[in-house]
Amino acid sequence: MATTAASNPSLLQKVSSGFSGEVVKFGIVGLSGVVVNFAVFWVCINGMGLASLRSNVVATVIAIATNYLGYRYWLYRDRDAASRRREITLFLVFSGIGMLIETGVLGFSRYVLGLDTSYEQIGAKVVGLAIATVFRFISYRTWVFKALPEPEPAAPAVVAASGQELAAQAELMLAAEQIRFAKAE
């Protein structure tokens, strides 16, 4: 049986086609989380008068909750969900690290660089969020939402060997039946 490049794509083609769709979906879920994050951040700073770092933590925690729903039930719905406790724990750990990255950049810009207007804080939040997003994407797809292993197709030699073994077993069973019937007569 001959295989062609069209019927048997290379590993690079398989990875790139699945990866690009995953990146787009990750971006859509992430963008919805960004909208939630920035809206809550803006309300906390301007509406409630909270400090910028507290506002960032509140906004990020709410965005993490909405993102988990999008990742689990839309983007990674076909991934292994056997251990939800493990998945949620890892999701919260890596999301927390992402929040620390984002808050660290915001804190650095505010307290070290002295950028304290609302727009400067939003700019620092964008930079921190970009760095944290790269970290989250890599950690979520690698450790949190693990791909189910694909079944390995049996090699033709293995199939032939098992077919030969099956035929040998059938011949032995037939021989044993013939001996049993011969004794019974």
C-alpha atoms as a PDB file:
ATOM      1  CA  MET A   1       0.000   0.000   0.000  1.00  0.00           C
ATOM      2  CA  ALA A   2       1.497   3.286  -1.093  1.00  0.00           C
ATOM      3  CA  THR A   3       1.132   6.389   1.003  1.00  0.00           C
ATOM      4  CA  THR A   4       1.261   9.882  -0.350  1.00  0.00           C
ATOM      5  CA  ALA A   5       2.115  13.140   1.318  1.00  0.00           C
ATOM      6  CA  ALA A   6      -1.515  14.211   1.002  1.00  0.00           C
ATOM      7  CA  SER A   7      -2.868  11.134   2.796  1.00  0.00           C
ATOM      8  CA  ASN A   8      -0.103  11.039   5.398  1.00  0.00           C
ATOM      9  CA  PRO A   9       0.748  14.584   6.561  1.00  0.00           C
ATOM     10  CA  SER A  10       4.073  15.183   8.244  1.00  0.00           C
ATOM     11  CA  LEU A  11       4.342  15.715  11.969  1.00  0.00           C
ATOM     12  CA  LEU A  12       5.057  19.408  11.383  1.00  0.00           C
ATOM     13  CA  GLN A  13       1.835  19.763   9.348  1.00  0.00           C
ATOM     14  CA  LYS A  14      -0.206  17.983  12.017  1.00  0.00           C
ATOM     15  CA  VAL A  15       1.237  20.146  14.788  1.00  0.00           C
ATOM     16  CA  SER A  16       0.952  23.440  12.907  1.00  0.00           C
ATOM     17  CA  SER A  17      -2.645  22.884  11.764  1.00  0.00           C
ATOM     18  CA  GLY A  18      -3.839  21.923  15.246  1.00  0.00           C
ATOM     19  CA  PHE A  19      -1.654  24.502  16.941  1.00  0.00           C
ATOM     20  CA  SER A  20      -2.898  27.451  14.881  1.00  0.00           C
ATOM     21  CA  GLY A  21      -6.542  26.623  15.620  1.00  0.00           C
ATOM     22  CA  GLU A  22      -5.682  26.238  19.279  1.00  0.00           C
ATOM     23  CA  VAL A  23      -3.912  29.608  19.335  1.00  0.00           C
ATOM     24  CA  VAL A  24      -6.951  31.314  17.763  1.00  0.00           C
ATOM     25  CA  LYS A  25      -9.358  29.751  20.267  1.00  0.00           C
ATOM     26  CA  PHE A  26      -6.975  30.521  23.138  1.00  0.00           C
ATOM     27  CA  GLY A  27      -6.917  34.127  21.906  1.00  0.00           C
ATOM     28  CA  ILE A  28     -10.718  34.340  21.814  1.00  0.00           C
ATOM     29  CA  VAL A  29     -11.106  33.000  25.347  1.00  0.00           C
ATOM     30  CA  GLY A  30      -8.187  35.134  26.493  1.00  0.00           C
ATOM     31  CA  LEU A  31      -9.636  38.246  24.841  1.00  0.00           C
ATOM     32  CA  SER A  32     -12.916  37.765  26.684  1.00  0.00           C
ATOM     33  CA  GLY A  33     -10.891  37.426  29.894  1.00  0.00           C
ATOM     34  CA  VAL A  34      -8.977  40.606  29.044  1.00  0.00           C
ATOM     35  CA  VAL A  35     -12.245  42.507  28.578  1.00  0.00           C
ATOM     36  CA  VAL A  36     -13.478  41.246  31.963  1.00  0.00           C
ATOM     37  CA  ASN A  37     -10.095  41.974  33.547  1.00  0.00           C
ATOM     38  CA  PHE A  38      -9.855  45.552  32.274  1.00  0.00           C
ATOM     39  CA  ALA A  39     -13.509  46.348  33.000  1.00  0.00           C
ATOM     40  CA  VAL A  40     -13.254  45.156  36.604  1.00  0.00           C
ATOM     41  CA  PHE A  41      -9.850  46.871  37.000  1.00  0.00           C
ATOM     42  CA  TRP A  42     -11.277  50.172  35.743  1.00  0.00           C
ATOM     43  CA  VAL A  43     -14.324  49.916  38.031  1.00  0.00           C
ATOM     44  CA  CYS A  44     -12.154  49.053  41.050  1.00  0.00           C
ATOM     45  CA  ILE A  45      -9.778  51.983  40.490  1.00  0.00           C
ATOM     46  CA  ASN A  46     -12.222  54.652  39.384  1.00  0.00           C
ATOM     47  CA  GLY A  47     -15.534  53.508  40.824  1.00  0.00           C
ATOM     48  CA  MET A  48     -14.467  51.997  44.129  1.00  0.00           C
ATOM     49  CA  GLY A  49     -11.217  53.895  44.708  1.00  0.00           C
ATOM     50  CA  LEU A  50      -9.116  50.790  45.372  1.00  0.00           C
ATOM     51  CA  ALA A  51      -5.347  50.885  44.980  1.00  0.00           C
ATOM     52  CA  SER A  52      -4.024  49.704  41.623  1.00  0.00           C
ATOM     53  CA  LEU A  53      -2.422  46.476  42.875  1.00  0.00           C
ATOM     54  CA  ARG A  54      -5.547  45.458  44.819  1.00  0.00           C
ATOM     55  CA  SER A  55      -7.673  46.328  41.814  1.00  0.00           C
ATOM     56  CA  ASN A  56      -5.431  44.196  39.622  1.00  0.00           C
ATOM     57  CA  VAL A  57      -5.720  41.188  41.922  1.00  0.00           C
ATOM     58  CA  VAL A  58      -9.535  41.445  42.098  1.00  0.00           C
ATOM     59  CA  ALA A  59      -9.842  41.899  38.322  1.00  0.00           C
ATOM     60  CA  THR A  60      -7.472  39.037  37.544  1.00  0.00           C
ATOM     61  CA  VAL A  61      -9.203  36.607  39.910  1.00  0.00           C
ATOM     62  CA  ILE A  62     -12.566  37.298  38.260  1.00  0.00           C
ATOM     63  CA  ALA A  63     -11.023  36.940  34.787  1.00  0.00           C
ATOM     64  CA  ILE A  64      -9.360  33.651  35.804  1.00  0.00           C
ATOM     65  CA  ALA A  65     -12.759  32.223  36.768  1.00  0.00           C
ATOM     66  CA  THR A  66     -14.358  33.202  33.462  1.00  0.00           C
ATOM     67  CA  ASN A  67     -11.350  31.959  31.477  1.00  0.00           C
ATOM     68  CA  TYR A  68     -11.420  28.533  33.139  1.00  0.00           C
ATOM     69  CA  LEU A  69     -14.971  28.020  31.911  1.00  0.00           C
ATOM     70  CA  GLY A  70     -13.979  28.954  28.360  1.00  0.00           C
ATOM     71  CA  TYR A  71     -10.864  26.793  28.345  1.00  0.00           C
ATOM     72  CA  ARG A  72     -12.455  23.715  29.899  1.00  0.00           C
ATOM     73  CA  TYR A  73     -15.796  23.705  28.106  1.00  0.00           C
ATOM     74  CA  TRP A  74     -14.830  25.131  24.714  1.00  0.00           C
ATOM     75  CA  LEU A  75     -11.129  25.109  23.843  1.00  0.00           C
ATOM     76  CA  TYR A  76      -9.922  22.013  25.696  1.00  0.00           C
ATOM     77  CA  ARG A  77     -13.212  20.101  25.918  1.00  0.00           C
ATOM     78  CA  ASP A  78     -11.646  17.127  24.104  1.00  0.00           C
ATOM     79  CA  ARG A  79      -8.696  16.930  26.475  1.00  0.00           C
ATOM     80  CA  ASP A  80      -8.342  14.536  29.379  1.00  0.00           C
ATOM     81  CA  ALA A  81     -10.676  15.581  32.183  1.00  0.00           C
ATOM     82  CA  ALA A  82     -10.254  12.464  34.321  1.00  0.00           C
ATOM     83  CA  SER A  83      -8.923  14.377  37.308  1.00  0.00           C
ATOM     84  CA  ARG A  84     -10.743  17.679  37.627  1.00  0.00           C
ATOM     85  CA  ARG A  85      -9.247  18.346  41.062  1.00  0.00           C
ATOM     86  CA  ARG A  86      -5.736  18.094  39.594  1.00  0.00           C
ATOM     87  CA  GLU A  87      -6.730  20.206  36.595  1.00  0.00           C
ATOM     88  CA  ILE A  88      -8.313  22.975  38.664  1.00  0.00           C
ATOM     89  CA  THR A  89      -5.407  22.993  41.114  1.00  0.00           C
ATOM     90  CA  LEU A  90      -2.838  23.329  38.318  1.00  0.00           C
ATOM     91  CA  PHE A  91      -4.989  25.913  36.533  1.00  0.00           C
ATOM     92  CA  LEU A  92      -5.143  28.030  39.694  1.00  0.00           C
ATOM     93  CA  VAL A  93      -1.418  27.640  40.376  1.00  0.00           C
ATOM     94  CA  PHE A  94      -0.380  28.687  36.858  1.00  0.00           C
ATOM     95  CA  SER A  95      -3.028  31.420  36.761  1.00  0.00           C
ATOM     96  CA  GLY A  96      -1.707  32.680  40.085  1.00  0.00           C
ATOM     97  CA  ILE A  97       1.833  32.776  38.706  1.00  0.00           C
ATOM     98  CA  GLY A  98       0.498  34.677  35.693  1.00  0.00           C
ATOM     99  CA  MET A  99      -1.242  37.089  38.065  1.00  0.00           C
ATOM    100  CA  LEU A 100       2.045  37.614  39.938  1.00  0.00           C
ATOM    101  CA  ILE A 101       3.796  38.371  36.641  1.00  0.00           C
ATOM    102  CA  GLU A 102       1.098  40.853  35.668  1.00  0.00           C
ATOM    103  CA  THR A 103       0.967  42.464  39.126  1.00  0.00           C
ATOM    104  CA  GLY A 104       4.760  42.578  39.309  1.00  0.00           C
ATOM    105  CA  VAL A 105       4.979  44.554  36.071  1.00  0.00           C
ATOM    106  CA  LEU A 106       2.220  46.886  37.292  1.00  0.00           C
ATOM    107  CA  GLY A 107       3.928  47.343  40.666  1.00  0.00           C
ATOM    108  CA  PHE A 108       7.293  47.975  39.018  1.00  0.00           C
ATOM    109  CA  SER A 109       5.839  50.623  36.733  1.00  0.00           C
ATOM    110  CA  ARG A 110       3.963  52.286  39.568  1.00  0.00           C
ATOM    111  CA  TYR A 111       6.444  52.175  42.440  1.00  0.00           C
ATOM    112  CA  VAL A 112       9.798  52.087  40.645  1.00  0.00           C
ATOM    113  CA  LEU A 113       9.111  54.056  37.472  1.00  0.00           C
ATOM    114  CA  GLY A 114       6.542  56.369  39.091  1.00  0.00           C
ATOM    115  CA  LEU A 115       3.873  55.847  36.410  1.00  0.00           C
ATOM    116  CA  ASP A 116       0.670  56.427  38.374  1.00  0.00           C
ATOM    117  CA  THR A 117      -1.980  57.931  36.107  1.00  0.00           C
ATOM    118  CA  SER A 118      -4.871  55.668  35.079  1.00  0.00           C
ATOM    119  CA  TYR A 119      -3.641  55.460  31.496  1.00  0.00           C
ATOM    120  CA  GLU A 120      -0.073  54.655  32.536  1.00  0.00           C
ATOM    121  CA  GLN A 121      -1.396  51.908  34.799  1.00  0.00           C
ATOM    122  CA  ILE A 122      -3.487  50.527  31.951  1.00  0.00           C
ATOM    123  CA  GLY A 123      -0.365  50.541  29.734  1.00  0.00           C
ATOM    124  CA  ALA A 124       1.632  48.686  32.383  1.00  0.00           C
ATOM    125  CA  LYS A 125      -1.244  46.247  32.765  1.00  0.00           C
ATOM    126  CA  VAL A 126      -1.174  45.575  29.005  1.00  0.00           C
ATOM    127  CA  VAL A 127       2.562  44.794  29.106  1.00  0.00           C
ATOM    128  CA  GLY A 128       2.202  42.561  32.173  1.00  0.00           C
ATOM    129  CA  LEU A 129      -0.803  40.820  30.680  1.00  0.00           C
ATOM    130  CA  ALA A 130       1.065  40.102  27.433  1.00  0.00           C
ATOM    131  CA  ILE A 131       3.965  38.490  29.287  1.00  0.00           C
ATOM    132  CA  ALA A 132       1.598  36.535  31.552  1.00  0.00           C
ATOM    133  CA  THR A 133      -0.467  35.357  28.559  1.00  0.00           C
ATOM    134  CA  VAL A 134       2.532  33.702  26.913  1.00  0.00           C
ATOM    135  CA  PHE A 135       3.353  31.973  30.198  1.00  0.00           C
ATOM    136  CA  ARG A 136      -0.260  30.838  30.685  1.00  0.00           C
ATOM    137  CA  PHE A 137      -0.622  29.496  27.151  1.00  0.00           C
ATOM    138  CA  ILE A 138       2.476  27.341  27.473  1.00  0.00           C
ATOM    139  CA  SER A 139       1.637  26.086  30.953  1.00  0.00           C
ATOM    140  CA  TYR A 140      -2.074  25.409  30.295  1.00  0.00           C
ATOM    141  CA  ARG A 141      -1.494  23.386  27.145  1.00  0.00           C
ATOM    142  CA  THR A 142       1.508  21.549  28.586  1.00  0.00           C
ATOM    143  CA  TRP A 143       0.451  20.719  32.144  1.00  0.00           C
ATOM    144  CA  VAL A 144      -3.170  21.660  32.845  1.00  0.00           C
ATOM    145  CA  PHE A 145      -5.235  20.529  29.872  1.00  0.00           C
ATOM    146  CA  LYS A 146      -3.208  17.505  28.798  1.00  0.00           C
ATOM    147  CA  ALA A 147      -3.949  15.980  25.420  1.00  0.00           C
ATOM    148  CA  LEU A 148      -5.234  12.441  25.355  1.00  0.00           C
ATOM    149  CA  PRO A 149      -2.669  10.129  23.780  1.00  0.00           C
ATOM    150  CA  GLU A 150      -3.548   9.130  20.243  1.00  0.00           C
ATOM    151  CA  PRO A 151      -3.902   5.392  19.689  1.00  0.00           C
ATOM    152  CA  GLU A 152      -0.940   3.957  17.855  1.00  0.00           C
ATOM    153  CA  PRO A 153      -1.911   2.140  14.662  1.00  0.00           C
ATOM    154  CA  ALA A 154      -0.700  -1.441  14.591  1.00  0.00           C
ATOM    155  CA  ALA A 155       2.238  -1.987  12.277  1.00  0.00           C
ATOM    156  CA  PRO A 156       1.605  -4.405   9.370  1.00  0.00           C
ATOM    157  CA  ALA A 157       4.240  -6.826  10.697  1.00  0.00           C
ATOM    158  CA  VAL A 158       2.497  -6.915  14.075  1.00  0.00           C
ATOM    159  CA  VAL A 159      -0.879  -7.533  12.439  1.00  0.00           C
ATOM    160  CA  ALA A 160       0.620 -10.320  10.320  1.00  0.00           C
ATOM    161  CA  ALA A 161       2.271 -11.862  13.364  1.00  0.00           C
ATOM    162  CA  SER A 162      -0.941 -11.777  15.347  1.00  0.00           C
ATOM    163  CA  GLY A 163      -2.810 -13.254  12.383  1.00  0.00           C
ATOM    164  CA  GLN A 164      -0.283 -16.088  12.213  1.00  0.00           C
ATOM    165  CA  GLU A 165      -0.548 -16.644  15.964  1.00  0.00           C
ATOM    166  CA  LEU A 166      -4.332 -16.732  15.702  1.00  0.00           C
ATOM    167  CA  ALA A 167      -4.195 -19.285  12.883  1.00  0.00           C
ATOM    168  CA  ALA A 168      -1.784 -21.465  14.887  1.00  0.00           C
ATOM    169  CA  GLN A 169      -4.087 -21.340  17.933  1.00  0.00           C
ATOM    170  CA  ALA A 170      -7.085 -22.234  15.771  1.00  0.00           C
ATOM    171  CA  GLU A 171      -5.222 -25.217  14.309  1.00  0.00           C
ATOM    172  CA  LEU A 172      -4.317 -26.419  17.816  1.00  0.00           C
ATOM    173  CA  MET A 173      -7.932 -26.089  18.945  1.00  0.00           C
ATOM    174  CA  LEU A 174      -9.149 -28.031  15.896  1.00  0.00           C
ATOM    175  CA  ALA A 175      -6.574 -30.761  16.495  1.00  0.00           C
ATOM    176  CA  ALA A 176      -7.644 -31.025  20.151  1.00  0.00           C
ATOM    177  CA  GLU A 177     -11.311 -31.247  19.116  1.00  0.00           C
ATOM    178  CA  GLN A 178     -10.519 -33.974  16.579  1.00  0.00           C
ATOM    179  CA  ILE A 179      -8.693 -35.983  19.233  1.00  0.00           C
ATOM    180  CA  ARG A 180     -11.578 -35.516  21.684  1.00  0.00           C
ATOM    181  CA  PHE A 181     -14.173 -36.583  19.086  1.00  0.00           C
ATOM    182  CA  ALA A 182     -12.001 -39.557  18.104  1.00  0.00           C
ATOM    183  CA  LYS A 183     -11.876 -40.766  21.735  1.00  0.00           C
ATOM    184  CA  ALA A 184     -15.634 -40.293  22.137  1.00  0.00           C
ATOM    185  CA  GLU A 185     -16.406 -42.545  19.144  1.00  0.00           C
END
